[in-house]
PDB file of N, CA and C in Angstrom:
ATOM      1  N   UNK A   1       0.837  -1.173   0.000  1.00  0.00           N
ATOM      2  CA  UNK A   1       0.000   0.000   0.000  1.00  0.00           C
ATOM      3  C   UNK A   1       0.883   1.238   0.000  1.00  0.00           C
ATOM      4  N   UNK A   2       0.691   2.107  -0.978  1.00  0.00           N
ATOM      5  CA  UNK A   2       1.476   3.334  -1.071  1.00  0.00           C
ATOM      6  C   UNK A   2       0.898   4.374  -0.132  1.00  0.00           C
ATOM      7  N   UNK A   3       1.760   5.033   0.581  1.00  0.00           N
ATOM      8  CA  UNK A   3       1.331   6.073   1.516  1.00  0.00           C
ATOM      9  C   UNK A   3       2.534   6.751   2.114  1.00  0.00           C
ATOM     10  N   UNK A   4       2.250   7.710   2.964  1.00  0.00           N
ATOM     11  CA  UNK A   4       3.337   8.414   3.621  1.00  0.00           C
ATOM     12  C   UNK A   4       3.996   7.507   4.639  1.00  0.00           C
ATOM     13  N   UNK A   5       5.298   7.584   4.676  1.00  0.00           N
ATOM     14  CA  UNK A   5       6.031   6.814   5.664  1.00  0.00           C
ATOM     15  C   UNK A   5       5.943   7.521   7.007  1.00  0.00           C
ATOM     16  N   UNK A   6       5.865   6.748   8.043  1.00  0.00           N
ATOM     17  CA  UNK A   6       5.800   7.310   9.373  1.00  0.00           C
ATOM     18  C   UNK A   6       7.118   8.015   9.684  1.00  0.00           C
ATOM     19  N   UNK A   7       7.009   9.264  10.191  1.00  0.00           N
ATOM     20  CA  UNK A   7       8.192  10.012  10.553  1.00  0.00           C
ATOM     21  C   UNK A   7       8.902  10.663   9.377  1.00  0.00           C
ATOM     22  N   UNK A   8       8.264  10.704   8.204  1.00  0.00           N
ATOM     23  CA  UNK A   8       8.915  11.334   7.065  1.00  0.00           C
ATOM     24  C   UNK A   8       8.902  12.848   7.235  1.00  0.00           C
ATOM     25  N   UNK A   9       9.946  13.482   6.711  1.00  0.00           N
ATOM     26  CA  UNK A   9      10.090  14.931   6.835  1.00  0.00           C
ATOM     27  C   UNK A   9       9.406  15.622   5.668  1.00  0.00           C
ATOM     28  N   UNK A  10       9.057  16.910   5.893  1.00  0.00           N
ATOM     29  CA  UNK A  10       8.513  17.721   4.814  1.00  0.00           C
ATOM     30  C   UNK A  10       9.621  18.026   3.813  1.00  0.00           C
ATOM     31  N   UNK A  11       9.223  18.305   2.597  1.00  0.00           N
ATOM     32  CA  UNK A  11      10.203  18.716   1.591  1.00  0.00           C
ATOM     33  C   UNK A  11      10.750  20.084   1.995  1.00  0.00           C
ATOM     34  N   UNK A  12      12.029  20.341   1.728  1.00  0.00           N
ATOM     35  CA  UNK A  12      12.590  21.639   2.087  1.00  0.00           C
ATOM     36  C   UNK A  12      11.898  22.761   1.327  1.00  0.00           C
ATOM     37  N   UNK A  13      11.736  23.887   2.003  1.00  0.00           N
ATOM     38  CA  UNK A  13      11.096  25.034   1.355  1.00  0.00           C
ATOM     39  C   UNK A  13      12.111  25.750   0.473  1.00  0.00           C
ATOM     40  N   UNK A  14      11.576  26.399  -0.548  1.00  0.00           N
ATOM     41  CA  UNK A  14      12.423  27.160  -1.462  1.00  0.00           C
ATOM     42  C   UNK A  14      13.179  28.236  -0.684  1.00  0.00           C
ATOM     43  N   UNK A  15      14.464  28.412  -0.974  1.00  0.00           N
ATOM     44  CA  UNK A  15      15.276  29.416  -0.306  1.00  0.00           C
ATOM     45  C   UNK A  15      14.901  30.790  -0.860  1.00  0.00           C
ATOM     46  N   UNK A  16      14.457  31.682   0.025  1.00  0.00           N
ATOM     47  CA  UNK A  16      14.009  33.010  -0.380  1.00  0.00           C
ATOM     48  C   UNK A  16      15.023  34.103  -0.039  1.00  0.00           C
ATOM     49  N   UNK A  17      16.103  33.721   0.614  1.00  0.00           N
ATOM     50  CA  UNK A  17      17.113  34.710   0.978  1.00  0.00           C
ATOM     51  C   UNK A  17      18.362  34.503   0.135  1.00  0.00           C
ATOM     52  N   UNK A  18      19.164  35.547   0.029  1.00  0.00           N
ATOM     53  CA  UNK A  18      20.449  35.443  -0.653  1.00  0.00           C
ATOM     54  C   UNK A  18      21.467  35.072   0.419  1.00  0.00           C
ATOM     55  N   UNK A  19      21.838  33.808   0.424  1.00  0.00           N
ATOM     56  CA  UNK A  19      22.677  33.282   1.489  1.00  0.00           C
ATOM     57  C   UNK A  19      24.004  34.020   1.596  1.00  0.00           C
ATOM     58  N   UNK A  20      24.613  34.343   0.475  1.00  0.00           N
ATOM     59  CA  UNK A  20      25.911  35.016   0.509  1.00  0.00           C
ATOM     60  C   UNK A  20      25.800  36.398   1.150  1.00  0.00           C
ATOM     61  N   UNK A  21      24.690  37.087   0.934  1.00  0.00           N
ATOM     62  CA  UNK A  21      24.498  38.415   1.527  1.00  0.00           C
ATOM     63  C   UNK A  21      24.304  38.320   3.031  1.00  0.00           C
ATOM     64  N   UNK A  22      23.580  37.299   3.488  1.00  0.00           N
ATOM     65  CA  UNK A  22      23.390  37.097   4.928  1.00  0.00           C
ATOM     66  C   UNK A  22      24.742  36.790   5.571  1.00  0.00           C
ATOM     67  N   UNK A  23      25.515  35.902   4.962  1.00  0.00           N
ATOM     68  CA  UNK A  23      26.832  35.542   5.490  1.00  0.00           C
ATOM     69  C   UNK A  23      27.752  36.762   5.516  1.00  0.00           C
ATOM     70  N   UNK A  24      27.701  37.569   4.467  1.00  0.00           N
ATOM     71  CA  UNK A  24      28.516  38.779   4.392  1.00  0.00           C
ATOM     72  C   UNK A  24      28.135  39.753   5.509  1.00  0.00           C
ATOM     73  N   UNK A  25      26.849  39.900   5.752  1.00  0.00           N
ATOM     74  CA  UNK A  25      26.366  40.791   6.813  1.00  0.00           C
ATOM     75  C   UNK A  25      26.873  40.325   8.181  1.00  0.00           C
ATOM     76  N   UNK A  26      26.744  39.033   8.441  1.00  0.00           N
ATOM     77  CA  UNK A  26      27.181  38.466   9.721  1.00  0.00           C
ATOM     78  C   UNK A  26      28.700  38.602   9.855  1.00  0.00           C
ATOM     79  N   UNK A  27      29.426  38.318   8.771  1.00  0.00           N
ATOM     80  CA  UNK A  27      30.881  38.424   8.793  1.00  0.00           C
ATOM     81  C   UNK A  27      31.323  39.858   9.043  1.00  0.00           C
ATOM     82  N   UNK A  28      30.542  40.815   8.571  1.00  0.00           N
ATOM     83  CA  UNK A  28      30.824  42.232   8.806  1.00  0.00           C
ATOM     84  C   UNK A  28      30.765  42.596  10.281  1.00  0.00           C
ATOM     85  N   UNK A  29      30.124  41.759  11.075  1.00  0.00           N
ATOM     86  CA  UNK A  29      30.055  41.946  12.521  1.00  0.00           C
ATOM     87  C   UNK A  29      31.043  41.021  13.240  1.00  0.00           C
ATOM     88  N   UNK A  30      32.025  40.533  12.465  1.00  0.00           N
ATOM     89  CA  UNK A  30      33.076  39.646  12.956  1.00  0.00           C
ATOM     90  C   UNK A  30      32.517  38.393  13.626  1.00  0.00           C
ATOM     91  N   UNK A  31      31.515  37.809  12.993  1.00  0.00           N
ATOM     92  CA  UNK A  31      30.875  36.589  13.475  1.00  0.00           C
ATOM     93  C   UNK A  31      30.851  35.574  12.346  1.00  0.00           C
ATOM     94  N   UNK A  32      30.583  34.333  12.706  1.00  0.00           N
ATOM     95  CA  UNK A  32      30.426  33.250  11.734  1.00  0.00           C
ATOM     96  C   UNK A  32      28.934  32.950  11.603  1.00  0.00           C
ATOM     97  N   UNK A  33      28.569  32.297  10.519  1.00  0.00           N
ATOM     98  CA  UNK A  33      27.163  31.996  10.233  1.00  0.00           C
ATOM     99  C   UNK A  33      27.006  30.494   9.986  1.00  0.00           C
ATOM    100  N   UNK A  34      26.123  29.857  10.735  1.00  0.00           N
ATOM    101  CA  UNK A  34      25.872  28.432  10.525  1.00  0.00           C
ATOM    102  C   UNK A  34      24.788  28.246   9.470  1.00  0.00           C
ATOM    103  N   UNK A  35      24.778  27.083   8.856  1.00  0.00           N
ATOM    104  CA  UNK A  35      23.751  26.796   7.857  1.00  0.00           C
ATOM    105  C   UNK A  35      22.370  26.716   8.512  1.00  0.00           C
ATOM    106  N   UNK A  36      22.344  26.316   9.794  1.00  0.00           N
ATOM    107  CA  UNK A  36      21.065  26.257  10.504  1.00  0.00           C
ATOM    108  C   UNK A  36      20.454  27.649  10.640  1.00  0.00           C
ATOM    109  N   UNK A  37      21.303  28.681  10.794  1.00  0.00           N
ATOM    110  CA  UNK A  37      20.792  30.051  10.879  1.00  0.00           C
ATOM    111  C   UNK A  37      20.109  30.431   9.573  1.00  0.00           C
ATOM    112  N   UNK A  38      20.745  30.098   8.459  1.00  0.00           N
ATOM    113  CA  UNK A  38      20.166  30.414   7.155  1.00  0.00           C
ATOM    114  C   UNK A  38      18.817  29.717   6.978  1.00  0.00           C
ATOM    115  N   UNK A  39      18.726  28.464   7.387  1.00  0.00           N
ATOM    116  CA  UNK A  39      17.465  27.725   7.300  1.00  0.00           C
ATOM    117  C   UNK A  39      16.402  28.361   8.191  1.00  0.00           C
ATOM    118  N   UNK A  40      16.793  28.790   9.401  1.00  0.00           N
ATOM    119  CA  UNK A  40      15.847  29.409  10.328  1.00  0.00           C
ATOM    120  C   UNK A  40      15.341  30.745   9.791  1.00  0.00           C
ATOM    121  N   UNK A  41      16.234  31.543   9.201  1.00  0.00           N
ATOM    122  CA  UNK A  41      15.820  32.817   8.605  1.00  0.00           C
ATOM    123  C   UNK A  41      14.854  32.559   7.464  1.00  0.00           C
ATOM    124  N   UNK A  42      15.163  31.580   6.631  1.00  0.00           N
ATOM    125  CA  UNK A  42      14.287  31.250   5.509  1.00  0.00           C
ATOM    126  C   UNK A  42      12.906  30.814   6.000  1.00  0.00           C
ATOM    127  N   UNK A  43      12.869  29.995   7.046  1.00  0.00           N
ATOM    128  CA  UNK A  43      11.594  29.548   7.621  1.00  0.00           C
ATOM    129  C   UNK A  43      10.800  30.738   8.157  1.00  0.00           C
ATOM    130  N   UNK A  44      11.506  31.664   8.807  1.00  0.00           N
ATOM    131  CA  UNK A  44      10.863  32.859   9.351  1.00  0.00           C
ATOM    132  C   UNK A  44      10.239  33.697   8.224  1.00  0.00           C
ATOM    133  N   UNK A  45      10.949  33.845   7.118  1.00  0.00           N
ATOM    134  CA  UNK A  45      10.443  34.599   5.961  1.00  0.00           C
ATOM    135  C   UNK A  45       9.204  33.909   5.386  1.00  0.00           C
ATOM    136  N   UNK A  46       9.263  32.592   5.238  1.00  0.00           N
ATOM    137  CA  UNK A  46       8.094  31.854   4.737  1.00  0.00           C
ATOM    138  C   UNK A  46       6.882  32.070   5.645  1.00  0.00           C
ATOM    139  N   UNK A  47       7.091  31.977   6.959  1.00  0.00           N
ATOM    140  CA  UNK A  47       5.988  32.164   7.906  1.00  0.00           C
ATOM    141  C   UNK A  47       5.406  33.570   7.808  1.00  0.00           C
ATOM    142  N   UNK A  48       6.269  34.579   7.736  1.00  0.00           N
ATOM    143  CA  UNK A  48       5.814  35.972   7.645  1.00  0.00           C
ATOM    144  C   UNK A  48       5.018  36.197   6.356  1.00  0.00           C
ATOM    145  N   UNK A  49       5.498  35.634   5.253  1.00  0.00           N
ATOM    146  CA  UNK A  49       4.791  35.809   3.982  1.00  0.00           C
ATOM    147  C   UNK A  49       3.460  35.061   3.974  1.00  0.00           C
ATOM    148  N   UNK A  50       3.426  33.867   4.576  1.00  0.00           N
ATOM    149  CA  UNK A  50       2.162  33.123   4.669  1.00  0.00           C
ATOM    150  C   UNK A  50       1.125  33.927   5.462  1.00  0.00           C
ATOM    151  N   UNK A  51       1.564  34.529   6.578  1.00  0.00           N
ATOM    152  CA  UNK A  51       0.641  35.347   7.384  1.00  0.00           C
ATOM    153  C   UNK A  51       0.178  36.576   6.601  1.00  0.00           C
ATOM    154  N   UNK A  52       1.084  37.199   5.844  1.00  0.00           N
ATOM    155  CA  UNK A  52       0.727  38.371   5.049  1.00  0.00           C
ATOM    156  C   UNK A  52      -0.311  38.019   3.984  1.00  0.00           C
ATOM    157  N   UNK A  53      -0.129  36.881   3.337  1.00  0.00           N
ATOM    158  CA  UNK A  53      -1.076  36.437   2.312  1.00  0.00           C
ATOM    159  C   UNK A  53      -2.444  36.155   2.945  1.00  0.00           C
ATOM    160  N   UNK A  54      -2.441  35.467   4.080  1.00  0.00           N
ATOM    161  CA  UNK A  54      -3.703  35.165   4.769  1.00  0.00           C
ATOM    162  C   UNK A  54      -4.431  36.443   5.171  1.00  0.00           C
ATOM    163  N   UNK A  55      -3.690  37.436   5.668  1.00  0.00           N
ATOM    164  CA  UNK A  55      -4.306  38.689   6.104  1.00  0.00           C
ATOM    165  C   UNK A  55      -4.876  39.452   4.909  1.00  0.00           C
ATOM    166  N   UNK A  56      -4.130  39.486   3.804  1.00  0.00           N
ATOM    167  CA  UNK A  56      -4.615  40.165   2.601  1.00  0.00           C
ATOM    168  C   UNK A  56      -5.883  39.481   2.082  1.00  0.00           C
ATOM    169  N   UNK A  57      -5.891  38.154   2.073  1.00  0.00           N
ATOM    170  CA  UNK A  57      -7.077  37.421   1.626  1.00  0.00           C
ATOM    171  C   UNK A  57      -8.259  37.672   2.554  1.00  0.00           C
ATOM    172  N   UNK A  58      -8.002  37.743   3.859  1.00  0.00           N
ATOM    173  CA  UNK A  58      -9.074  38.001   4.825  1.00  0.00           C
ATOM    174  C   UNK A  58      -9.676  39.386   4.621  1.00  0.00           C
ATOM    175  N   UNK A  59      -8.886  40.296   4.059  1.00  0.00           N
ATOM    176  CA  UNK A  59      -9.362  41.649   3.770  1.00  0.00           C
ATOM    177  C   UNK A  59      -9.806  41.795   2.313  1.00  0.00           C
ATOM    178  N   UNK A  60     -10.069  40.665   1.669  1.00  0.00           N
ATOM    179  CA  UNK A  60     -10.558  40.627   0.280  1.00  0.00           C
ATOM    180  C   UNK A  60      -9.658  41.396  -0.682  1.00  0.00           C
ATOM    181  N   UNK A  61      -8.344  41.257  -0.491  1.00  0.00           N
ATOM    182  CA  UNK A  61      -7.386  41.879  -1.394  1.00  0.00           C
ATOM    183  C   UNK A  61      -6.559  40.797  -2.064  1.00  0.00           C
ATOM    184  N   UNK A  62      -6.060  41.120  -3.243  1.00  0.00           N
ATOM    185  CA  UNK A  62      -5.163  40.212  -3.957  1.00  0.00           C
ATOM    186  C   UNK A  62      -3.738  40.734  -3.931  1.00  0.00           C
ATOM    187  N   UNK A  63      -3.523  41.794  -3.177  1.00  0.00           N
ATOM    188  CA  UNK A  63      -2.197  42.387  -3.042  1.00  0.00           C
ATOM    189  C   UNK A  63      -1.785  42.379  -1.573  1.00  0.00           C
ATOM    190  N   UNK A  64      -0.645  41.745  -1.303  1.00  0.00           N
ATOM    191  CA  UNK A  64      -0.092  41.788   0.052  1.00  0.00           C
ATOM    192  C   UNK A  64       0.634  43.121   0.201  1.00  0.00           C
ATOM    193  N   UNK A  65       0.424  43.769   1.341  1.00  0.00           N
ATOM    194  CA  UNK A  65       1.008  45.079   1.602  1.00  0.00           C
ATOM    195  C   UNK A  65       1.886  45.012   2.848  1.00  0.00           C
ATOM    196  N   UNK A  66       2.721  46.031   3.054  1.00  0.00           N
ATOM    197  CA  UNK A  66       3.595  46.023   4.236  1.00  0.00           C
ATOM    198  C   UNK A  66       2.845  45.867   5.551  1.00  0.00           C
ATOM    199  N   UNK A  67       1.663  46.432   5.653  1.00  0.00           N
ATOM    200  CA  UNK A  67       0.906  46.331   6.909  1.00  0.00           C
ATOM    201  C   UNK A  67       0.395  44.908   7.167  1.00  0.00           C
ATOM    202  N   UNK A  68       0.496  44.031   6.177  1.00  0.00           N
ATOM    203  CA  UNK A  68       0.074  42.644   6.356  1.00  0.00           C
ATOM    204  C   UNK A  68       1.120  41.807   7.092  1.00  0.00           C
ATOM    205  N   UNK A  69       2.325  42.338   7.198  1.00  0.00           N
ATOM    206  CA  UNK A  69       3.402  41.603   7.872  1.00  0.00           C
ATOM    207  C   UNK A  69       3.323  41.854   9.370  1.00  0.00           C
TER     208      UNK A  69
END
């Protein structure tokens, strides 16, 4: 029977940040950047955009605006 395997992970989300720019910014503060940080930032961006889309839809708009974040 074909189905989801127990304990399977979600597919990775599309990367929405420019990783090199984030690393450059962190390095400019004399710090190092882990790959987990980049993944966490990307997840945060996805969550913020999902909320913005939901809020715009709840207000019967097809355009997400800054106030939706």
